[in-house]
Every structure is written in C-alpha cells, then in structure tokens.
Amino acid sequence: MNVRFATYWMPLRRGVTLVEVLAATALMGTVLVSILLAGARMRAQASRADCRIEACKVADDLLAGWGLQGEALPRYGSGDVRGPGGWRWRTRVVENEAAAAIGAEVVALEVFALNLPNSAILSDAGPLVRVEILLVKNNEDKNI
C-alpha cells in the first residue's frame, strides 16, 4: 500500500502575520523618530555654537578696538555693538584677592546677543561670552 505523508498538519507559510506587521511598523517608527530628534538636536547645537563663535568675534573686535584707539578699558560700562547681529557688551570689575595683592584688578567683558534665532535660544539669559582681563596699574594710576 502506498502511504502518503500527510501534510495537512504542517501548514505552509506564505506571508506574514498581522502581529509581525505591527511589530515591524512600530520598530521602523521608533527608528525614524529617533533619527529626526537627533537631527533637530544637532541643528540646535550647531546654531548655538555659531552664535557663541560670533560672540567671540565681537568680544575680540571690542578688545582690539579699545587697544588700537588707546582707550582704557571701561571698568563699569555697557553699550551696543555697531553693525549687524544685535550684540550688547558689558564690563564690570570682578573681585580677585590675588590680583589686588599685586596692585591689579580683573575686569570682565561680557557679550550678549539681542536677537537670537529661535533654534539658538539658550537655556539661560546670561552672556554668550565672558572674558576676564587682568589690568595692572602703574604708579600714575594708568593701565599698563
């Protein structure tokens, strides 16, 4: 007698189940959202870095201008920077015992941005750049 193997109890898989489709869709959605969020964070960080770089250039230009014009660095002052960008500077004396011991003082120059793009809004409203300058006084009370 010719016996055939029964195949009715071993179904053939011809497609995917609904559970597999839902799992694959959820996995792909998670990966895509992660990629989009990482891209948005990267763009925001790049924008903040560009603003800080520009603020460093503004501070450098201010210090170079004061030095070239022979003006003393203002101890307590503030003002707007001419030109594009909307920058504001402020100077103030910072208490420093070591500097006072040698007859000097520390002046902090801070640069603020007035018009930051929305993607570059920083978590604090503090200065983008802060430079501390040690000013040594000579006998005539002029800066060296």
Protein backbone atom coordinates (compact mmCIF):
# COMPACT_ATOMS: atom_id res chain seq x y z
CA MET A 1 0.00 0.00 0.00
CA ASN A 2 1.25 3.35 -0.98
CA VAL A 3 1.27 5.61 2.05
CA ARG A 4 1.41 9.30 1.53
CA PHE A 5 2.70 11.58 4.19
CA ALA A 6 0.01 13.78 5.49
CA THR A 7 0.86 17.40 5.04
CA TYR A 8 -2.35 18.85 6.28
CA TRP A 9 -0.99 19.25 9.78
CA MET A 10 2.05 21.25 8.54
CA PRO A 11 0.70 24.45 7.04
CA LEU A 12 2.86 26.29 4.54
CA ARG A 13 3.79 29.88 5.44
CA ARG A 14 3.06 32.11 2.51
CA GLY A 15 3.02 35.55 4.23
CA VAL A 16 3.46 37.42 7.47
CA THR A 17 1.02 37.68 10.28
CA LEU A 18 -0.65 40.84 11.46
CA VAL A 19 1.39 40.80 14.67
CA GLU A 20 4.64 40.74 12.70
CA VAL A 21 3.49 43.65 10.52
CA LEU A 22 2.57 45.72 13.58
CA ALA A 23 5.88 44.94 15.31
CA ALA A 24 7.87 45.91 12.21
CA THR A 25 5.87 49.13 11.81
CA ALA A 26 6.43 50.09 15.46
CA LEU A 27 10.15 49.39 15.17
CA MET A 28 10.51 51.45 11.99
CA GLY A 29 8.53 54.31 13.52
CA THR A 30 10.75 54.35 16.60
CA VAL A 31 13.90 54.41 14.49
CA LEU A 32 12.60 57.24 12.28
CA VAL A 33 11.51 59.38 15.24
CA SER A 34 14.91 58.85 16.89
CA ILE A 35 16.71 59.96 13.74
CA LEU A 36 14.53 63.08 13.39
CA LEU A 37 15.01 64.06 17.05
CA ALA A 38 18.77 63.59 16.81
CA GLY A 39 18.87 65.75 13.68
CA ALA A 40 16.87 68.52 15.35
CA ARG A 41 19.15 68.49 18.41
CA MET A 42 22.22 68.59 16.18
CA ARG A 43 20.89 71.62 14.28
CA ALA A 44 20.06 73.43 17.54
CA GLN A 45 23.54 72.75 18.94
CA ALA A 46 25.15 73.93 15.72
CA SER A 47 23.11 77.13 15.82
CA ARG A 48 24.11 77.79 19.45
CA ALA A 49 27.75 77.15 18.59
CA ASP A 50 27.57 79.59 15.67
CA CYS A 51 26.12 82.27 17.98
CA ARG A 52 28.91 81.73 20.50
CA ILE A 53 31.56 81.88 17.78
CA GLU A 54 30.10 85.17 16.54
CA ALA A 55 30.04 86.49 20.13
CA CYS A 56 33.75 85.60 20.45
CA LYS A 57 34.47 87.60 17.31
CA VAL A 58 32.53 90.56 18.72
CA ALA A 59 34.50 90.40 22.00
CA ASP A 60 37.78 90.17 20.09
CA ASP A 61 36.86 93.17 17.94
CA LEU A 62 35.89 95.19 21.03
CA LEU A 63 39.16 94.43 22.81
CA ALA A 64 41.19 95.14 19.68
CA GLY A 65 39.34 98.42 19.13
CA TRP A 66 39.94 99.61 22.67
CA GLY A 67 43.60 98.67 22.37
CA LEU A 68 44.15 100.30 18.98
CA GLN A 69 42.40 103.51 19.92
CA GLY A 70 44.47 103.84 23.08
CA GLU A 71 41.36 103.96 25.23
CA ALA A 72 41.28 102.48 28.67
CA LEU A 73 39.01 99.51 29.12
CA PRO A 74 35.87 100.80 30.82
CA ARG A 75 35.53 99.40 34.35
CA TYR A 76 31.76 99.64 34.53
CA GLY A 77 30.22 100.19 31.15
CA SER A 78 27.83 98.80 28.61
CA GLY A 79 26.74 99.53 25.10
CA ASP A 80 25.54 98.20 21.80
CA VAL A 81 27.90 96.95 19.12
CA ARG A 82 27.59 98.68 15.77
CA GLY A 83 26.92 96.52 12.79
CA PRO A 84 24.70 93.57 12.03
CA GLY A 85 23.71 90.99 14.57
CA GLY A 86 22.39 92.93 17.51
CA TRP A 87 25.07 92.50 20.17
CA ARG A 88 25.47 94.22 23.54
CA TRP A 89 28.57 94.36 25.73
CA ARG A 90 29.02 94.99 29.44
CA THR A 91 32.13 95.38 31.59
CA ARG A 92 32.46 95.23 35.36
CA VAL A 93 35.20 94.78 37.92
CA VAL A 94 35.44 91.33 39.45
CA GLU A 95 36.75 90.92 42.98
CA ASN A 96 40.00 88.97 42.95
CA GLU A 97 42.29 88.84 46.00
CA ALA A 98 45.31 87.59 44.07
CA ALA A 99 45.06 90.46 41.60
CA ALA A 100 44.60 93.00 44.38
CA ALA A 101 47.72 91.66 46.09
CA ILE A 102 49.85 92.68 43.11
CA GLY A 103 48.10 96.01 42.59
CA ALA A 104 45.89 94.92 39.75
CA GLU A 105 42.23 94.34 39.10
CA VAL A 106 40.20 91.96 36.99
CA VAL A 107 37.65 93.37 34.55
CA ALA A 108 35.09 91.04 32.98
CA LEU A 109 33.86 91.73 29.46
CA GLU A 110 30.55 90.03 28.70
CA VAL A 111 28.85 89.86 25.31
CA PHE A 112 25.11 89.30 24.97
CA ALA A 113 23.02 88.62 21.87
CA LEU A 114 19.92 90.74 21.41
CA ASN A 115 18.38 88.81 18.50
CA LEU A 116 18.99 85.08 18.70
CA PRO A 117 17.30 82.81 16.18
CA ASN A 118 14.64 80.57 17.71
CA SER A 119 16.80 77.48 17.31
CA ALA A 120 19.65 79.13 19.21
CA ILE A 121 17.79 80.19 22.33
CA LEU A 122 19.95 79.28 25.25
CA SER A 123 18.67 77.83 28.49
CA ASP A 124 19.97 80.82 30.46
CA ALA A 125 19.80 84.51 29.69
CA GLY A 126 23.44 85.03 30.61
CA PRO A 127 26.26 86.21 28.39
CA LEU A 128 27.32 84.15 25.42
CA VAL A 129 30.96 85.06 26.02
CA ARG A 130 32.78 86.25 29.13
CA VAL A 131 36.42 87.34 29.04
CA GLU A 132 38.31 88.31 32.18
CA ILE A 133 41.19 90.75 31.70
CA LEU A 134 43.88 91.41 34.30
CA LEU A 135 44.73 95.11 34.38
CA VAL A 136 47.92 96.11 36.19
CA LYS A 137 48.19 99.72 37.33
CA ASN A 138 51.42 101.68 37.30
CA ASN A 139 52.33 104.49 39.70
CA GLU A 140 50.36 107.11 37.77
CA ASP A 141 47.14 105.06 38.04
CA LYS A 142 47.14 104.29 34.32
CA ASN A 143 46.69 100.83 32.90
CA ILE A 144 49.70 99.06 31.53
